[in-house]
Amino acid sequence: MREFLIFGLAPALAVTLWLLWVSNTAIRKIERRWPRRLARLGALFAGLVALRILIPVFFGFLDSGTWLCPVCGAQEEESRYLGIVLSRGPPEEDEFSLSSAERYASWFQRSFHLAHDHAWIPVGCHGIGMSVMACSGTVEQSLFHASLPLVPDAGFARRLVEHLRDVSPELGWSLLRDFNRGWEGGPFRALVEGEHPPPQAFDDWLAEHPLWP
C-alpha cells in the first residue's frame, strides 16, 4: 500500500492537479456564468478520468524481482522505480537458478580475477506495477551459468566470460538468451546432464553462434 501511495497515487495526483490548474486558468476567461460552470464540471470529470489512467501508468514503472550480474553470477532481489534501486535483499529465484548462480559465482571467484562493474539484468518473473507478472523479457534458468563451471577447457571458458564482460548490458542479455537455446541440445546441456562431449563439439557450437567469439 505504501508503494502504491508513493509511486502510483502521488505522482498521478500531482499531474492531475496541474492539469486542473491549467484548465481552470483558461476557464476563468469565460465570461458567462453557466458556460463557465459547465466547463469546470467538464474539467473535473476529465481530471478524474486522467487520474484513473495515470495511477497504473506511474505505478507501472515499479519493477520488483531478481537481478543477476551475468559476469560474476551475483544475484539480488531488488525493487526499482524508473531504474533507481529502492531496496535490495537476498534472491528469491527457484532452486535450480539459485544453485547454478551460486556454483558459478564460487567458480568465478576461484578461477578468475576479472575486474568488472556489475551489469544487472532481470532473471525469472518480475512484478510490474500493481499485479502484472513479466516473464518473457528476462533470462530464466541460464545455461551459461549452469554449464560454464563444468567446461573442461579453462581457456575456452575464460574466453566466453571475458567476451560477456566486455559487451554492453543489452548485448550481454542477447548473448545469454542465445546461449539458452542450448537447452534444446548441444555440448553445454550435455555437461549439465553429466555427459562429456568431445572438444570438437564446442568448436562446432561456436561456429553456429556468431554472437560469441
N, C-alpha and C. Protein backbone atom coordinates (compact mmCIF):
# COMPACT_ATOMS: atom_id res chain seq x y z
N MET A 1 0.83 -1.20 0.00
CA MET A 1 0.00 0.00 0.00
C MET A 1 0.87 1.26 0.00
N ARG A 2 1.94 1.22 0.80
CA ARG A 2 2.81 2.40 0.87
C ARG A 2 3.43 2.70 -0.50
N GLU A 3 3.91 1.65 -1.19
CA GLU A 3 4.50 1.86 -2.52
C GLU A 3 3.46 2.39 -3.50
N PHE A 4 2.22 1.89 -3.37
CA PHE A 4 1.15 2.37 -4.25
C PHE A 4 0.91 3.86 -4.05
N LEU A 5 0.89 4.28 -2.78
CA LEU A 5 0.64 5.70 -2.48
C LEU A 5 1.77 6.59 -2.99
N ILE A 6 3.02 6.12 -2.80
CA ILE A 6 4.18 6.95 -3.15
C ILE A 6 4.42 6.97 -4.66
N PHE A 7 4.38 5.80 -5.29
CA PHE A 7 4.80 5.71 -6.69
C PHE A 7 3.63 5.65 -7.68
N GLY A 8 2.41 5.47 -7.19
CA GLY A 8 1.26 5.45 -8.07
C GLY A 8 0.36 6.65 -7.88
N LEU A 9 -0.22 6.76 -6.69
CA LEU A 9 -1.20 7.81 -6.43
C LEU A 9 -0.59 9.21 -6.39
N ALA A 10 0.53 9.37 -5.69
CA ALA A 10 1.11 10.70 -5.50
C ALA A 10 1.49 11.38 -6.82
N PRO A 11 2.28 10.74 -7.70
CA PRO A 11 2.62 11.43 -8.96
C PRO A 11 1.41 11.62 -9.87
N ALA A 12 0.48 10.64 -9.88
CA ALA A 12 -0.72 10.79 -10.70
C ALA A 12 -1.57 11.96 -10.22
N LEU A 13 -1.70 12.10 -8.90
CA LEU A 13 -2.48 13.20 -8.34
C LEU A 13 -1.82 14.54 -8.64
N ALA A 14 -0.50 14.60 -8.56
CA ALA A 14 0.22 15.84 -8.85
C ALA A 14 0.00 16.28 -10.29
N VAL A 15 0.08 15.34 -11.22
CA VAL A 15 -0.13 15.68 -12.64
C VAL A 15 -1.57 16.10 -12.88
N THR A 16 -2.52 15.39 -12.25
CA THR A 16 -3.93 15.72 -12.42
C THR A 16 -4.23 17.12 -11.89
N LEU A 17 -3.70 17.45 -10.71
CA LEU A 17 -3.92 18.79 -10.15
C LEU A 17 -3.32 19.87 -11.04
N TRP A 18 -2.18 19.58 -11.62
CA TRP A 18 -1.57 20.56 -12.54
C TRP A 18 -2.45 20.76 -13.77
N LEU A 19 -2.99 19.67 -14.31
CA LEU A 19 -3.87 19.79 -15.47
C LEU A 19 -5.13 20.58 -15.12
N LEU A 20 -5.68 20.34 -13.92
CA LEU A 20 -6.86 21.09 -13.50
C LEU A 20 -6.55 22.57 -13.33
N TRP A 21 -5.37 22.88 -12.83
CA TRP A 21 -4.97 24.28 -12.67
C TRP A 21 -4.84 24.97 -14.02
N VAL A 22 -4.24 24.27 -14.98
CA VAL A 22 -4.12 24.84 -16.34
C VAL A 22 -5.49 25.05 -16.94
N SER A 23 -6.38 24.05 -16.77
CA SER A 23 -7.74 24.17 -17.32
C SER A 23 -8.49 25.33 -16.67
N ASN A 24 -8.37 25.44 -15.35
CA ASN A 24 -9.09 26.50 -14.64
C ASN A 24 -8.60 27.88 -15.06
N THR A 25 -7.32 28.01 -15.37
CA THR A 25 -6.79 29.29 -15.84
C THR A 25 -7.46 29.71 -17.14
N ALA A 26 -7.70 28.73 -18.01
CA ALA A 26 -8.37 29.04 -19.27
C ALA A 26 -9.86 29.28 -19.07
N ILE A 27 -10.46 28.51 -18.13
CA ILE A 27 -11.92 28.63 -17.91
C ILE A 27 -12.28 29.98 -17.31
N ARG A 28 -11.41 30.57 -16.54
CA ARG A 28 -11.68 31.87 -15.93
C ARG A 28 -11.96 32.96 -16.96
N LYS A 29 -11.47 32.75 -18.15
CA LYS A 29 -11.65 33.76 -19.20
C LYS A 29 -13.06 33.71 -19.80
N ILE A 30 -13.81 32.67 -19.46
CA ILE A 30 -15.20 32.57 -19.95
C ILE A 30 -16.06 33.51 -19.11
N GLU A 31 -16.72 34.45 -19.76
CA GLU A 31 -17.43 35.50 -19.03
C GLU A 31 -18.79 35.04 -18.51
N ARG A 32 -19.52 34.26 -19.26
CA ARG A 32 -20.85 33.85 -18.85
C ARG A 32 -20.78 32.76 -17.79
N ARG A 33 -21.69 32.86 -16.76
CA ARG A 33 -21.61 32.01 -15.58
C ARG A 33 -21.84 30.54 -15.91
N TRP A 34 -22.94 30.20 -16.57
CA TRP A 34 -23.29 28.80 -16.78
C TRP A 34 -22.29 28.09 -17.71
N PRO A 35 -21.91 28.70 -18.81
CA PRO A 35 -20.86 28.04 -19.61
C PRO A 35 -19.58 27.82 -18.81
N ARG A 36 -19.26 28.78 -17.92
CA ARG A 36 -18.05 28.63 -17.10
C ARG A 36 -18.20 27.47 -16.12
N ARG A 37 -19.41 27.35 -15.50
CA ARG A 37 -19.64 26.25 -14.57
C ARG A 37 -19.61 24.89 -15.28
N LEU A 38 -20.22 24.84 -16.45
CA LEU A 38 -20.20 23.59 -17.22
C LEU A 38 -18.78 23.21 -17.62
N ALA A 39 -17.99 24.22 -17.97
CA ALA A 39 -16.60 23.95 -18.35
C ALA A 39 -15.83 23.39 -17.16
N ARG A 40 -16.10 23.93 -15.95
CA ARG A 40 -15.41 23.43 -14.77
C ARG A 40 -15.83 22.01 -14.43
N LEU A 41 -17.13 21.72 -14.61
CA LEU A 41 -17.58 20.34 -14.38
C LEU A 41 -16.92 19.38 -15.36
N GLY A 42 -16.85 19.84 -16.62
CA GLY A 42 -16.18 19.00 -17.64
C GLY A 42 -14.72 18.78 -17.32
N ALA A 43 -14.05 19.84 -16.84
CA ALA A 43 -12.64 19.72 -16.48
C ALA A 43 -12.45 18.78 -15.29
N LEU A 44 -13.37 18.85 -14.32
CA LEU A 44 -13.30 17.98 -13.15
C LEU A 44 -13.48 16.52 -13.55
N PHE A 45 -14.46 16.27 -14.43
CA PHE A 45 -14.69 14.90 -14.91
C PHE A 45 -13.46 14.39 -15.66
N ALA A 46 -12.91 15.25 -16.52
CA ALA A 46 -11.71 14.86 -17.28
C ALA A 46 -10.54 14.59 -16.32
N GLY A 47 -10.46 15.37 -15.23
CA GLY A 47 -9.41 15.16 -14.26
C GLY A 47 -9.53 13.82 -13.56
N LEU A 48 -10.77 13.42 -13.22
CA LEU A 48 -10.99 12.12 -12.59
C LEU A 48 -10.62 10.98 -13.52
N VAL A 49 -10.97 11.14 -14.79
CA VAL A 49 -10.61 10.12 -15.79
C VAL A 49 -9.09 10.04 -15.93
N ALA A 50 -8.44 11.22 -15.98
CA ALA A 50 -6.98 11.24 -16.11
C ALA A 50 -6.32 10.59 -14.90
N LEU A 51 -6.86 10.84 -13.71
CA LEU A 51 -6.30 10.24 -12.50
C LEU A 51 -6.40 8.73 -12.55
N ARG A 52 -7.56 8.25 -13.01
CA ARG A 52 -7.77 6.80 -13.12
C ARG A 52 -6.77 6.16 -14.10
N ILE A 53 -6.42 6.89 -15.15
CA ILE A 53 -5.49 6.37 -16.15
C ILE A 53 -4.05 6.49 -15.67
N LEU A 54 -3.73 7.61 -15.03
CA LEU A 54 -2.33 7.88 -14.67
C LEU A 54 -1.82 7.03 -13.52
N ILE A 55 -2.70 6.63 -12.60
CA ILE A 55 -2.24 5.84 -11.45
C ILE A 55 -1.54 4.55 -11.91
N PRO A 56 -2.17 3.69 -12.74
CA PRO A 56 -1.46 2.48 -13.17
C PRO A 56 -0.26 2.78 -14.06
N VAL A 57 -0.31 3.91 -14.80
CA VAL A 57 0.84 4.26 -15.65
C VAL A 57 2.07 4.53 -14.80
N PHE A 58 1.92 5.40 -13.78
CA PHE A 58 3.05 5.72 -12.93
C PHE A 58 3.48 4.52 -12.10
N PHE A 59 2.52 3.76 -11.58
CA PHE A 59 2.87 2.62 -10.74
C PHE A 59 3.52 1.51 -11.57
N GLY A 60 3.26 1.53 -12.88
CA GLY A 60 3.84 0.53 -13.77
C GLY A 60 5.35 0.65 -13.93
N PHE A 61 5.92 1.76 -13.48
CA PHE A 61 7.37 1.92 -13.53
C PHE A 61 8.07 1.18 -12.39
N LEU A 62 7.30 0.61 -11.46
CA LEU A 62 7.87 -0.14 -10.35
C LEU A 62 8.15 -1.57 -10.80
N ASP A 63 9.37 -2.02 -10.66
CA ASP A 63 9.82 -3.34 -11.12
C ASP A 63 10.46 -4.06 -9.94
N SER A 64 9.89 -5.22 -9.55
CA SER A 64 10.41 -5.98 -8.41
C SER A 64 10.71 -7.41 -8.85
N GLY A 65 11.89 -7.88 -8.52
CA GLY A 65 12.26 -9.24 -8.88
C GLY A 65 13.74 -9.49 -8.64
N THR A 66 14.25 -10.57 -9.23
CA THR A 66 15.63 -10.97 -9.06
C THR A 66 16.47 -10.43 -10.20
N TRP A 67 17.66 -9.91 -9.85
CA TRP A 67 18.59 -9.36 -10.83
C TRP A 67 19.91 -10.10 -10.72
N LEU A 68 20.52 -10.35 -11.86
CA LEU A 68 21.75 -11.14 -11.95
C LEU A 68 22.85 -10.34 -12.63
N CYS A 69 24.06 -10.41 -12.07
CA CYS A 69 25.24 -9.91 -12.79
C CYS A 69 25.76 -11.08 -13.61
N PRO A 70 25.64 -11.03 -14.94
CA PRO A 70 26.00 -12.20 -15.75
C PRO A 70 27.48 -12.53 -15.73
N VAL A 71 28.33 -11.57 -15.40
CA VAL A 71 29.77 -11.81 -15.43
C VAL A 71 30.22 -12.65 -14.25
N CYS A 72 29.84 -12.24 -13.02
CA CYS A 72 30.33 -12.94 -11.82
C CYS A 72 29.29 -13.84 -11.18
N GLY A 73 28.03 -13.76 -11.61
CA GLY A 73 26.99 -14.63 -11.08
C GLY A 73 26.30 -14.13 -9.83
N ALA A 74 26.62 -12.92 -9.36
CA ALA A 74 25.96 -12.38 -8.17
C ALA A 74 24.48 -12.16 -8.45
N GLN A 75 23.63 -12.40 -7.45
CA GLN A 75 22.19 -12.19 -7.58
C GLN A 75 21.67 -11.38 -6.41
N GLU A 76 20.65 -10.56 -6.70
CA GLU A 76 19.99 -9.77 -5.67
C GLU A 76 18.51 -9.67 -5.99
N GLU A 77 17.72 -9.59 -4.93
CA GLU A 77 16.30 -9.28 -5.06
C GLU A 77 16.18 -7.77 -4.90
N GLU A 78 15.61 -7.10 -5.91
CA GLU A 78 15.55 -5.64 -5.89
C GLU A 78 14.17 -5.14 -6.28
N SER A 79 13.85 -3.96 -5.77
CA SER A 79 12.71 -3.18 -6.24
C SER A 79 13.27 -1.92 -6.87
N ARG A 80 12.85 -1.63 -8.11
CA ARG A 80 13.36 -0.47 -8.83
C ARG A 80 12.20 0.38 -9.34
N TYR A 81 12.44 1.68 -9.35
CA TYR A 81 11.46 2.60 -9.91
C TYR A 81 12.19 3.50 -10.89
N LEU A 82 11.80 3.39 -12.18
CA LEU A 82 12.48 4.13 -13.25
C LEU A 82 13.99 3.86 -13.22
N GLY A 83 14.36 2.61 -12.93
CA GLY A 83 15.76 2.21 -12.91
C GLY A 83 16.50 2.52 -11.63
N ILE A 84 15.87 3.24 -10.70
CA ILE A 84 16.51 3.59 -9.43
C ILE A 84 16.22 2.48 -8.41
N VAL A 85 17.27 1.95 -7.79
CA VAL A 85 17.11 0.86 -6.82
C VAL A 85 16.53 1.41 -5.53
N LEU A 86 15.38 0.87 -5.13
CA LEU A 86 14.72 1.29 -3.89
C LEU A 86 15.09 0.39 -2.71
N SER A 87 15.24 -0.90 -2.97
CA SER A 87 15.56 -1.85 -1.90
C SER A 87 16.30 -3.04 -2.47
N ARG A 88 17.10 -3.68 -1.63
CA ARG A 88 17.87 -4.87 -2.01
C ARG A 88 17.71 -5.94 -0.94
N GLY A 89 17.88 -7.20 -1.36
CA GLY A 89 17.80 -8.29 -0.42
C GLY A 89 18.29 -9.57 -1.06
N PRO A 90 18.27 -10.69 -0.33
CA PRO A 90 18.70 -11.96 -0.90
C PRO A 90 17.74 -12.41 -1.99
N PRO A 91 18.24 -13.11 -3.00
CA PRO A 91 17.39 -13.51 -4.13
C PRO A 91 16.33 -14.51 -3.74
N GLU A 92 15.23 -14.52 -4.52
CA GLU A 92 14.13 -15.44 -4.28
C GLU A 92 13.85 -16.28 -5.52
N GLU A 93 14.89 -16.55 -6.31
CA GLU A 93 14.73 -17.34 -7.52
C GLU A 93 14.46 -18.81 -7.18
N ASP A 94 14.12 -19.61 -8.20
CA ASP A 94 13.88 -21.04 -7.99
C ASP A 94 15.19 -21.73 -7.63
N GLU A 95 15.07 -22.92 -7.07
CA GLU A 95 16.23 -23.62 -6.51
C GLU A 95 17.29 -23.90 -7.57
N PHE A 96 16.87 -24.26 -8.79
CA PHE A 96 17.84 -24.57 -9.84
C PHE A 96 18.67 -23.34 -10.18
N SER A 97 17.99 -22.20 -10.41
CA SER A 97 18.70 -20.98 -10.79
C SER A 97 19.62 -20.51 -9.68
N LEU A 98 19.17 -20.62 -8.43
CA LEU A 98 20.00 -20.20 -7.31
C LEU A 98 21.24 -21.07 -7.18
N SER A 99 21.08 -22.37 -7.26
CA SER A 99 22.23 -23.26 -7.10
C SER A 99 23.20 -23.08 -8.26
N SER A 100 22.69 -22.86 -9.48
CA SER A 100 23.57 -22.63 -10.62
C SER A 100 24.35 -21.35 -10.46
N ALA A 101 23.66 -20.28 -10.03
CA ALA A 101 24.33 -19.00 -9.85
C ALA A 101 25.37 -19.07 -8.74
N GLU A 102 25.05 -19.76 -7.65
CA GLU A 102 26.00 -19.87 -6.54
C GLU A 102 27.22 -20.69 -6.94
N ARG A 103 27.01 -21.78 -7.69
CA ARG A 103 28.14 -22.60 -8.14
C ARG A 103 29.02 -21.80 -9.12
N TYR A 104 28.36 -21.07 -10.02
CA TYR A 104 29.11 -20.25 -10.97
C TYR A 104 29.89 -19.15 -10.25
N ALA A 105 29.24 -18.46 -9.29
CA ALA A 105 29.91 -17.38 -8.57
C ALA A 105 31.13 -17.91 -7.82
N SER A 106 31.01 -19.09 -7.19
CA SER A 106 32.14 -19.69 -6.49
C SER A 106 33.26 -20.04 -7.46
N TRP A 107 32.89 -20.61 -8.60
CA TRP A 107 33.88 -20.96 -9.63
C TRP A 107 34.56 -19.71 -10.18
N PHE A 108 33.79 -18.65 -10.40
CA PHE A 108 34.34 -17.40 -10.92
C PHE A 108 35.37 -16.82 -9.96
N GLN A 109 35.06 -16.83 -8.67
CA GLN A 109 35.99 -16.28 -7.68
C GLN A 109 37.27 -17.10 -7.58
N ARG A 110 37.14 -18.42 -7.72
CA ARG A 110 38.33 -19.28 -7.64
C ARG A 110 39.21 -19.18 -8.89
N SER A 111 38.56 -19.05 -10.05
CA SER A 111 39.28 -19.21 -11.32
C SER A 111 39.71 -17.92 -11.97
N PHE A 112 39.02 -16.81 -11.70
CA PHE A 112 39.30 -15.57 -12.41
C PHE A 112 39.52 -14.42 -11.44
N HIS A 113 40.24 -13.45 -11.93
CA HIS A 113 40.40 -12.19 -11.21
C HIS A 113 40.09 -11.07 -12.19
N LEU A 114 38.88 -11.09 -12.71
CA LEU A 114 38.47 -10.13 -13.73
C LEU A 114 37.78 -8.94 -13.08
N ALA A 115 38.38 -7.77 -13.24
CA ALA A 115 37.74 -6.55 -12.75
C ALA A 115 36.53 -6.25 -13.63
N HIS A 116 35.42 -5.91 -13.00
CA HIS A 116 34.22 -5.60 -13.77
C HIS A 116 33.24 -4.82 -12.89
N ASP A 117 32.35 -4.12 -13.54
CA ASP A 117 31.24 -3.47 -12.85
C ASP A 117 30.01 -4.34 -13.02
N HIS A 118 29.24 -4.50 -11.94
CA HIS A 118 28.02 -5.29 -12.06
C HIS A 118 27.11 -4.67 -13.12
N ALA A 119 26.68 -5.50 -14.06
CA ALA A 119 25.75 -5.06 -15.10
C ALA A 119 24.48 -5.89 -14.93
N TRP A 120 23.63 -5.47 -13.98
CA TRP A 120 22.49 -6.29 -13.59
C TRP A 120 21.49 -6.47 -14.72
N ILE A 121 21.01 -7.70 -14.87
CA ILE A 121 19.93 -7.99 -15.81
C ILE A 121 18.83 -8.74 -15.05
N PRO A 122 17.57 -8.58 -15.46
CA PRO A 122 16.47 -9.27 -14.77
C PRO A 122 16.45 -10.76 -15.10
N VAL A 123 16.17 -11.58 -14.11
CA VAL A 123 16.02 -13.02 -14.32
C VAL A 123 14.73 -13.48 -13.66
N GLY A 124 14.14 -14.54 -14.21
CA GLY A 124 12.88 -15.04 -13.66
C GLY A 124 11.73 -14.08 -13.95
N CYS A 125 10.64 -14.24 -13.24
CA CYS A 125 9.46 -13.41 -13.42
C CYS A 125 9.52 -12.20 -12.48
N HIS A 126 9.19 -11.04 -13.01
CA HIS A 126 9.22 -9.79 -12.26
C HIS A 126 7.82 -9.24 -12.07
N GLY A 127 7.58 -8.67 -10.91
CA GLY A 127 6.32 -7.96 -10.67
C GLY A 127 6.43 -6.54 -11.21
N ILE A 128 5.51 -6.18 -12.09
CA ILE A 128 5.49 -4.84 -12.69
C ILE A 128 4.22 -4.14 -12.25
N GLY A 129 4.36 -3.02 -11.55
CA GLY A 129 3.18 -2.27 -11.12
C GLY A 129 2.36 -3.01 -10.09
N MET A 130 1.02 -2.96 -10.27
CA MET A 130 0.12 -3.48 -9.25
C MET A 130 -0.01 -4.99 -9.27
N SER A 131 -0.11 -5.60 -10.46
CA SER A 131 -0.40 -7.03 -10.47
C SER A 131 0.18 -7.76 -11.68
N VAL A 132 0.94 -7.09 -12.52
CA VAL A 132 1.44 -7.71 -13.74
C VAL A 132 2.71 -8.49 -13.45
N MET A 133 2.78 -9.73 -13.96
CA MET A 133 3.99 -10.53 -13.86
C MET A 133 4.61 -10.62 -15.25
N ALA A 134 5.84 -10.12 -15.39
CA ALA A 134 6.53 -10.12 -16.67
C ALA A 134 7.61 -11.20 -16.65
N CYS A 135 7.50 -12.17 -17.55
CA CYS A 135 8.47 -13.26 -17.59
C CYS A 135 9.19 -13.35 -18.94
N SER A 136 8.59 -12.81 -20.00
CA SER A 136 9.13 -13.02 -21.34
C SER A 136 10.39 -12.22 -21.61
N GLY A 137 10.60 -11.10 -20.92
CA GLY A 137 11.75 -10.26 -21.20
C GLY A 137 12.94 -10.51 -20.32
N THR A 138 12.99 -11.69 -19.68
CA THR A 138 14.09 -11.98 -18.76
C THR A 138 14.82 -13.24 -19.20
N VAL A 139 15.91 -13.54 -18.51
CA VAL A 139 16.66 -14.77 -18.76
C VAL A 139 16.33 -15.75 -17.64
N GLU A 140 15.73 -16.88 -17.99
CA GLU A 140 15.38 -17.88 -16.99
C GLU A 140 16.29 -19.09 -17.11
N GLN A 141 16.69 -19.66 -15.98
CA GLN A 141 17.50 -20.87 -15.93
C GLN A 141 18.67 -20.77 -16.92
N SER A 142 19.58 -19.86 -16.62
CA SER A 142 20.69 -19.56 -17.51
C SER A 142 21.61 -20.77 -17.71
N LEU A 143 21.65 -21.27 -18.93
CA LEU A 143 22.53 -22.38 -19.26
C LEU A 143 24.00 -21.97 -19.16
N PHE A 144 24.28 -20.72 -19.45
CA PHE A 144 25.65 -20.21 -19.34
C PHE A 144 26.20 -20.43 -17.94
N HIS A 145 25.43 -20.03 -16.93
CA HIS A 145 25.90 -20.12 -15.56
C HIS A 145 25.82 -21.55 -15.01
N ALA A 146 24.92 -22.35 -15.57
CA ALA A 146 24.80 -23.75 -15.12
C ALA A 146 25.92 -24.61 -15.67
N SER A 147 26.42 -24.28 -16.87
CA SER A 147 27.35 -25.19 -17.55
C SER A 147 28.81 -24.74 -17.54
N LEU A 148 29.07 -23.43 -17.49
CA LEU A 148 30.45 -22.98 -17.68
C LEU A 148 31.42 -23.52 -16.63
N PRO A 149 31.04 -23.63 -15.35
CA PRO A 149 32.00 -24.23 -14.40
C PRO A 149 32.36 -25.68 -14.73
N LEU A 150 31.60 -26.31 -15.60
CA LEU A 150 31.82 -27.71 -15.96
C LEU A 150 32.64 -27.87 -17.24
N VAL A 151 32.92 -26.77 -17.94
CA VAL A 151 33.67 -26.83 -19.19
C VAL A 151 35.10 -27.29 -18.89
N PRO A 152 35.57 -28.36 -19.55
CA PRO A 152 36.90 -28.89 -19.23
C PRO A 152 38.05 -27.99 -19.66
N ASP A 153 37.85 -27.18 -20.70
CA ASP A 153 38.90 -26.30 -21.22
C ASP A 153 38.78 -24.93 -20.54
N ALA A 154 39.65 -24.66 -19.56
CA ALA A 154 39.56 -23.41 -18.80
C ALA A 154 39.78 -22.19 -19.69
N GLY A 155 40.66 -22.31 -20.69
CA GLY A 155 40.90 -21.20 -21.59
C GLY A 155 39.67 -20.87 -22.42
N PHE A 156 38.97 -21.88 -22.86
CA PHE A 156 37.74 -21.68 -23.63
C PHE A 156 36.68 -20.98 -22.76
N ALA A 157 36.53 -21.46 -21.53
CA ALA A 157 35.56 -20.86 -20.62
C ALA A 157 35.90 -19.40 -20.35
N ARG A 158 37.18 -19.10 -20.17
CA ARG A 158 37.60 -17.72 -19.89
C ARG A 158 37.28 -16.81 -21.08
N ARG A 159 37.47 -17.30 -22.29
CA ARG A 159 37.12 -16.51 -23.49
C ARG A 159 35.67 -16.08 -23.45
N LEU A 160 34.78 -17.00 -23.10
CA LEU A 160 33.36 -16.69 -23.07
C LEU A 160 33.04 -15.67 -21.98
N VAL A 161 33.65 -15.85 -20.80
CA VAL A 161 33.40 -14.92 -19.69
C VAL A 161 33.91 -13.53 -20.03
N GLU A 162 35.11 -13.43 -20.60
CA GLU A 162 35.68 -12.14 -20.94
C GLU A 162 34.85 -11.44 -22.02
N HIS A 163 34.35 -12.22 -22.96
CA HIS A 163 33.50 -11.62 -24.00
C HIS A 163 32.23 -11.06 -23.40
N LEU A 164 31.63 -11.80 -22.48
CA LEU A 164 30.42 -11.33 -21.82
C LEU A 164 30.70 -10.08 -20.99
N ARG A 165 31.88 -10.03 -20.38
CA ARG A 165 32.24 -8.85 -19.58
C ARG A 165 32.40 -7.61 -20.45
N ASP A 166 32.94 -7.77 -21.65
CA ASP A 166 33.34 -6.63 -22.47
C ASP A 166 32.21 -6.03 -23.31
N VAL A 167 31.07 -6.70 -23.39
CA VAL A 167 29.98 -6.17 -24.23
C VAL A 167 29.04 -5.30 -23.38
N SER A 168 28.16 -4.59 -24.03
CA SER A 168 27.18 -3.77 -23.33
C SER A 168 26.16 -4.65 -22.62
N PRO A 169 25.47 -4.12 -21.58
CA PRO A 169 24.44 -4.93 -20.90
C PRO A 169 23.37 -5.43 -21.86
N GLU A 170 23.00 -4.61 -22.84
CA GLU A 170 21.96 -5.03 -23.78
C GLU A 170 22.42 -6.22 -24.61
N LEU A 171 23.67 -6.16 -25.10
CA LEU A 171 24.19 -7.28 -25.88
C LEU A 171 24.42 -8.49 -24.99
N GLY A 172 24.84 -8.26 -23.74
CA GLY A 172 25.03 -9.37 -22.82
C GLY A 172 23.74 -10.14 -22.61
N TRP A 173 22.63 -9.40 -22.52
CA TRP A 173 21.32 -10.03 -22.40
C TRP A 173 21.04 -10.92 -23.60
N SER A 174 21.32 -10.40 -24.80
CA SER A 174 21.10 -11.17 -26.02
C SER A 174 22.00 -12.40 -26.07
N LEU A 175 23.23 -12.24 -25.58
CA LEU A 175 24.15 -13.38 -25.57
C LEU A 175 23.64 -14.51 -24.69
N LEU A 176 23.13 -14.17 -23.51
CA LEU A 176 22.63 -15.19 -22.60
C LEU A 176 21.40 -15.89 -23.17
N ARG A 177 20.54 -15.12 -23.81
CA ARG A 177 19.35 -15.74 -24.40
C ARG A 177 19.73 -16.63 -25.58
N ASP A 178 20.75 -16.21 -26.32
CA ASP A 178 21.26 -17.07 -27.40
C ASP A 178 21.86 -18.35 -26.83
N PHE A 179 22.59 -18.21 -25.72
CA PHE A 179 23.19 -19.38 -25.08
C PHE A 179 22.11 -20.33 -24.58
N ASN A 180 21.00 -19.77 -24.11
CA ASN A 180 19.92 -20.59 -23.56
C ASN A 180 19.27 -21.50 -24.60
N ARG A 181 19.46 -21.18 -25.87
CA ARG A 181 18.93 -22.08 -26.90
C ARG A 181 19.58 -23.45 -26.83
N GLY A 182 20.72 -23.50 -26.15
CA GLY A 182 21.41 -24.78 -25.99
C GLY A 182 20.67 -25.78 -25.13
N TRP A 183 19.63 -25.32 -24.41
CA TRP A 183 18.81 -26.27 -23.65
C TRP A 183 18.12 -27.26 -24.59
N GLU A 184 17.98 -26.88 -25.87
CA GLU A 184 17.35 -27.78 -26.83
C GLU A 184 18.30 -28.90 -27.25
N GLY A 185 19.58 -28.74 -26.96
CA GLY A 185 20.57 -29.75 -27.30
C GLY A 185 21.91 -29.12 -27.60
N GLY A 186 22.99 -29.83 -27.32
CA GLY A 186 24.32 -29.29 -27.57
C GLY A 186 25.27 -29.65 -26.45
N PRO A 187 26.53 -29.24 -26.59
CA PRO A 187 27.56 -29.67 -25.62
C PRO A 187 27.35 -29.12 -24.22
N PHE A 188 26.78 -27.91 -24.08
CA PHE A 188 26.63 -27.33 -22.76
C PHE A 188 25.50 -28.00 -21.97
N ARG A 189 24.44 -28.34 -22.65
CA ARG A 189 23.39 -29.11 -21.98
C ARG A 189 23.93 -30.48 -21.58
N ALA A 190 24.75 -31.06 -22.45
CA ALA A 190 25.34 -32.37 -22.14
C ALA A 190 26.18 -32.29 -20.87
N LEU A 191 26.92 -31.20 -20.68
CA LEU A 191 27.71 -31.04 -19.46
C LEU A 191 26.83 -31.02 -18.23
N VAL A 192 25.73 -30.26 -18.30
CA VAL A 192 24.82 -30.16 -17.15
C VAL A 192 24.21 -31.52 -16.83
N GLU A 193 24.01 -32.34 -17.85
CA GLU A 193 23.41 -33.65 -17.66
C GLU A 193 24.43 -34.72 -17.30
N GLY A 194 25.68 -34.30 -17.07
CA GLY A 194 26.70 -35.25 -16.61
C GLY A 194 27.45 -35.96 -17.72
N GLU A 195 27.28 -35.53 -18.96
CA GLU A 195 27.99 -36.16 -20.07
C GLU A 195 29.31 -35.45 -20.33
N HIS A 196 30.12 -36.01 -21.23
CA HIS A 196 31.44 -35.45 -21.54
C HIS A 196 31.57 -35.31 -23.05
N PRO A 197 31.07 -34.22 -23.62
CA PRO A 197 31.16 -34.04 -25.08
C PRO A 197 32.60 -33.84 -25.53
N PRO A 198 32.94 -34.25 -26.75
CA PRO A 198 34.31 -34.09 -27.24
C PRO A 198 34.63 -32.61 -27.49
N PRO A 199 35.92 -32.23 -27.47
CA PRO A 199 36.31 -30.83 -27.70
C PRO A 199 35.77 -30.25 -29.00
N GLN A 200 35.67 -31.09 -30.04
CA GLN A 200 35.18 -30.59 -31.32
C GLN A 200 33.74 -30.08 -31.22
N ALA A 201 32.99 -30.60 -30.28
CA ALA A 201 31.59 -30.17 -30.14
C ALA A 201 31.50 -28.70 -29.75
N PHE A 202 32.46 -28.22 -28.96
CA PHE A 202 32.46 -26.82 -28.56
C PHE A 202 32.86 -25.91 -29.72
N ASP A 203 33.81 -26.36 -30.54
CA ASP A 203 34.19 -25.59 -31.72
C ASP A 203 33.01 -25.51 -32.70
N ASP A 204 32.29 -26.60 -32.84
CA ASP A 204 31.12 -26.60 -33.72
C ASP A 204 30.05 -25.66 -33.19
N TRP A 205 29.89 -25.63 -31.87
CA TRP A 205 28.90 -24.74 -31.27
C TRP A 205 29.24 -23.28 -31.56
N LEU A 206 30.52 -22.91 -31.41
CA LEU A 206 30.94 -21.53 -31.69
C LEU A 206 30.67 -21.15 -33.14
N ALA A 207 30.89 -22.09 -34.05
CA ALA A 207 30.66 -21.80 -35.47
C ALA A 207 29.19 -21.53 -35.75
N GLU A 208 28.31 -22.09 -34.93
CA GLU A 208 26.87 -21.92 -35.13
C GLU A 208 26.32 -20.71 -34.37
N HIS A 209 27.15 -20.06 -33.55
CA HIS A 209 26.69 -18.92 -32.73
C HIS A 209 27.64 -17.73 -32.93
N PRO A 210 27.43 -16.96 -33.98
CA PRO A 210 28.36 -15.86 -34.31
C PRO A 210 28.40 -14.74 -33.29
N LEU A 211 27.44 -14.66 -32.35
CA LEU A 211 27.50 -13.63 -31.33
C LEU A 211 28.65 -13.85 -30.36
N TRP A 212 29.10 -15.09 -30.29
CA TRP A 212 30.17 -15.42 -29.36
C TRP A 212 31.51 -15.47 -30.10
N PRO A 213 32.66 -15.23 -29.41
CA PRO A 213 33.95 -15.12 -30.09
C PRO A 213 34.48 -16.47 -30.59
